[in-house]
Amino acid sequence: MAQRTSTKSIRRRDVLAGILNLSWIAPLALSLVQMARFMRFYPPDHTPSQISLGQPSAIVSFPAYLEQGRVWLLKDAGGLYALDAICPHLGCIVAQGRAGMAFECPCHGSRFAINGGVVNGPALEPMRHLRIARGFDGQIIVDRSQPVNAGFRLGLS
């Protein structure tokens, strides 16, 4: 008796159906990558990094928003410190809260403590502390390119 071997041949229709069934993977992967890039905020890089904020005596009350540097200048017992006014969530300018002792993002509702820490989201990161120094003429200079730790202060004397 002759033995029959069954060989299953692959039809062109099956190959095309398989390709069609898997064709959604590449567009989905590209969409997810682009969505992740969109959701992450990258601050604009078109402003100078060192900005003069003026004389400390010209600042009447703290916290003071200084628009030319997009920073909040604050004072405590340790001295002066600067918080980046750009929200770490998606880049809106953070405003002073209703109580005056916190900051709020008007775009998405993130709230920050007076020291820049996150009180509630959607922001996951605190406001950046920026390096400040005195210039030769006594003016306060903020360097937006140099974040510092939260304990950095510029002495008042």
Protein backbone atom coordinates (compact mmCIF):
# COMPACT_ATOMS: atom_id res chain seq x y z
CA MET A 1 0.00 0.00 0.00
CA ALA A 2 1.21 3.45 -0.84
CA GLN A 3 1.54 5.87 1.97
CA ARG A 4 0.15 9.29 1.57
CA THR A 5 2.00 12.17 3.12
CA SER A 6 -0.09 15.16 3.71
CA THR A 7 1.65 18.39 3.00
CA LYS A 8 -0.31 21.47 3.71
CA SER A 9 0.41 24.07 1.17
CA ILE A 10 0.18 27.71 2.11
CA ARG A 11 -2.17 29.58 -0.09
CA ARG A 12 -1.57 33.14 -1.18
CA ARG A 13 -4.92 34.14 0.33
CA ASP A 14 -3.79 32.91 3.78
CA VAL A 15 -0.54 34.88 3.56
CA LEU A 16 -2.35 38.08 2.59
CA ALA A 17 -4.92 37.57 5.35
CA GLY A 18 -2.10 37.13 7.90
CA ILE A 19 -0.37 40.30 6.74
CA LEU A 20 -3.65 42.19 6.88
CA ASN A 21 -4.34 40.92 10.40
CA LEU A 22 -0.92 42.11 11.64
CA SER A 23 -0.83 45.42 9.76
CA TRP A 24 -2.17 47.38 12.75
CA ILE A 25 0.97 46.82 14.85
CA ALA A 26 3.28 49.35 13.13
CA PRO A 27 0.78 52.27 13.13
CA LEU A 28 -0.12 51.54 16.74
CA ALA A 29 3.54 51.56 17.80
CA LEU A 30 4.21 54.84 15.95
CA SER A 31 1.11 56.42 17.50
CA LEU A 32 2.15 55.40 21.02
CA VAL A 33 5.65 56.82 20.54
CA GLN A 34 4.28 60.13 19.26
CA MET A 35 1.74 60.31 22.09
CA ALA A 36 4.50 59.77 24.65
CA ARG A 37 6.56 62.57 23.06
CA PHE A 38 3.53 64.88 23.07
CA MET A 39 2.72 64.25 26.72
CA ARG A 40 6.26 65.09 27.89
CA PHE A 41 6.95 68.81 28.17
CA TYR A 42 10.23 70.11 26.77
CA PRO A 43 10.82 73.75 27.74
CA PRO A 44 11.59 76.17 24.92
CA ASP A 45 15.23 77.01 24.47
CA HIS A 46 15.01 80.47 22.88
CA THR A 47 15.55 82.68 25.93
CA PRO A 48 18.93 83.70 27.32
CA SER A 49 20.02 81.61 30.26
CA GLN A 50 21.18 84.48 32.53
CA ILE A 51 18.61 87.20 33.17
CA SER A 52 18.98 90.27 35.38
CA LEU A 53 16.02 90.68 37.73
CA GLY A 54 16.93 94.09 39.12
CA GLN A 55 17.97 95.41 42.50
CA PRO A 56 16.70 93.52 45.57
CA SER A 57 15.53 96.81 47.12
CA ALA A 58 13.14 97.34 44.18
CA ILE A 59 11.16 94.23 45.11
CA VAL A 60 8.44 95.35 47.50
CA SER A 61 6.74 92.10 48.48
CA PHE A 62 7.44 88.39 48.27
CA PRO A 63 6.66 86.12 46.53
CA ALA A 64 7.34 88.32 43.51
CA TYR A 65 6.72 87.18 39.95
CA LEU A 66 9.38 88.61 37.65
CA GLU A 67 8.12 88.29 34.11
CA GLN A 68 11.41 89.02 32.35
CA GLY A 69 12.90 85.86 33.87
CA ARG A 70 9.68 83.84 34.22
CA VAL A 71 10.58 83.16 37.85
CA TRP A 72 9.05 83.53 41.26
CA LEU A 73 11.47 85.19 43.67
CA LEU A 74 10.90 84.25 47.29
CA LYS A 75 12.48 85.08 50.63
CA ASP A 76 12.75 83.08 53.83
CA ALA A 77 15.06 83.05 56.85
CA GLY A 78 17.89 81.57 54.75
CA GLY A 79 17.75 84.24 52.05
CA LEU A 80 16.38 84.61 48.54
CA TYR A 81 15.54 81.74 46.22
CA ALA A 82 14.04 81.49 42.75
CA LEU A 83 11.43 79.06 41.46
CA ASP A 84 10.89 78.48 37.76
CA ALA A 85 7.40 79.78 36.94
CA ILE A 86 7.01 77.28 34.10
CA CYS A 87 4.85 74.36 35.20
CA PRO A 88 6.73 71.05 34.93
CA HIS A 89 3.55 69.36 33.66
CA LEU A 90 2.97 71.01 30.27
CA GLY A 91 4.64 74.42 30.44
CA CYS A 92 1.98 76.91 31.53
CA ILE A 93 3.00 79.86 33.69
CA VAL A 94 2.26 79.06 37.34
CA ALA A 95 0.32 81.75 39.21
CA GLN A 96 0.13 82.59 42.88
CA GLY A 97 -2.64 80.70 44.65
CA ARG A 98 -5.69 82.30 46.21
CA ALA A 99 -4.31 82.00 49.73
CA GLY A 100 -0.99 83.56 48.69
CA MET A 101 1.02 80.76 50.25
CA ALA A 102 0.98 78.36 47.29
CA PHE A 103 1.15 78.28 43.51
CA GLU A 104 -1.44 77.01 41.03
CA CYS A 105 -1.27 76.14 37.36
CA PRO A 106 -4.21 77.81 35.62
CA CYS A 107 -4.16 75.32 32.73
CA HIS A 108 -4.51 71.92 34.36
CA GLY A 109 -4.93 72.61 38.08
CA SER A 110 -1.60 71.45 39.50
CA ARG A 111 -0.91 72.97 42.92
CA PHE A 112 2.50 73.59 44.45
CA ALA A 113 3.61 74.50 47.95
CA ILE A 114 5.46 77.76 48.58
CA ASN A 115 8.75 75.84 48.34
CA GLY A 116 7.80 74.43 44.92
CA GLY A 117 6.84 70.92 46.03
CA VAL A 118 3.84 69.25 44.40
CA VAL A 119 0.68 69.43 46.51
CA ASN A 120 -1.58 67.80 43.91
CA GLY A 121 -1.25 66.93 40.23
CA PRO A 122 -1.39 66.31 37.39
CA ALA A 123 2.21 67.58 37.71
CA LEU A 124 4.50 64.84 38.99
CA GLU A 125 7.65 66.91 39.43
CA PRO A 126 8.17 69.94 41.70
CA MET A 127 8.86 73.42 40.39
CA ARG A 128 12.56 73.84 39.56
CA HIS A 129 14.76 75.87 41.88
CA LEU A 130 17.06 78.08 39.81
CA ARG A 131 20.50 79.47 40.64
CA ILE A 132 20.52 83.14 41.56
CA ALA A 133 23.53 85.35 42.23
CA ARG A 134 24.42 89.01 42.62
CA GLY A 135 25.97 90.81 39.68
CA PHE A 136 28.80 93.35 39.97
CA ASP A 137 26.26 96.17 40.22
CA GLY A 138 24.28 94.41 42.98
CA GLN A 139 21.46 93.24 40.74
CA ILE A 140 20.02 89.77 41.17
CA ILE A 141 20.79 87.48 38.24
CA VAL A 142 18.93 84.23 37.67
CA ASP A 143 20.45 81.46 35.56
CA ARG A 144 17.64 79.44 33.96
CA SER A 145 20.09 76.82 32.69
CA GLN A 146 21.26 75.86 36.19
CA PRO A 147 18.73 74.15 38.42
CA VAL A 148 19.88 73.86 42.03
CA ASN A 149 18.74 71.83 45.01
CA ALA A 150 15.79 73.10 47.05
CA GLY A 151 18.03 74.27 49.89
CA PHE A 152 20.01 76.79 47.81
CA ARG A 153 19.63 80.38 49.04
CA LEU A 154 21.25 83.71 48.18
CA GLY A 155 22.24 85.54 51.36
CA LEU A 156 20.54 88.86 52.02
CA SER A 157 23.67 90.68 53.14
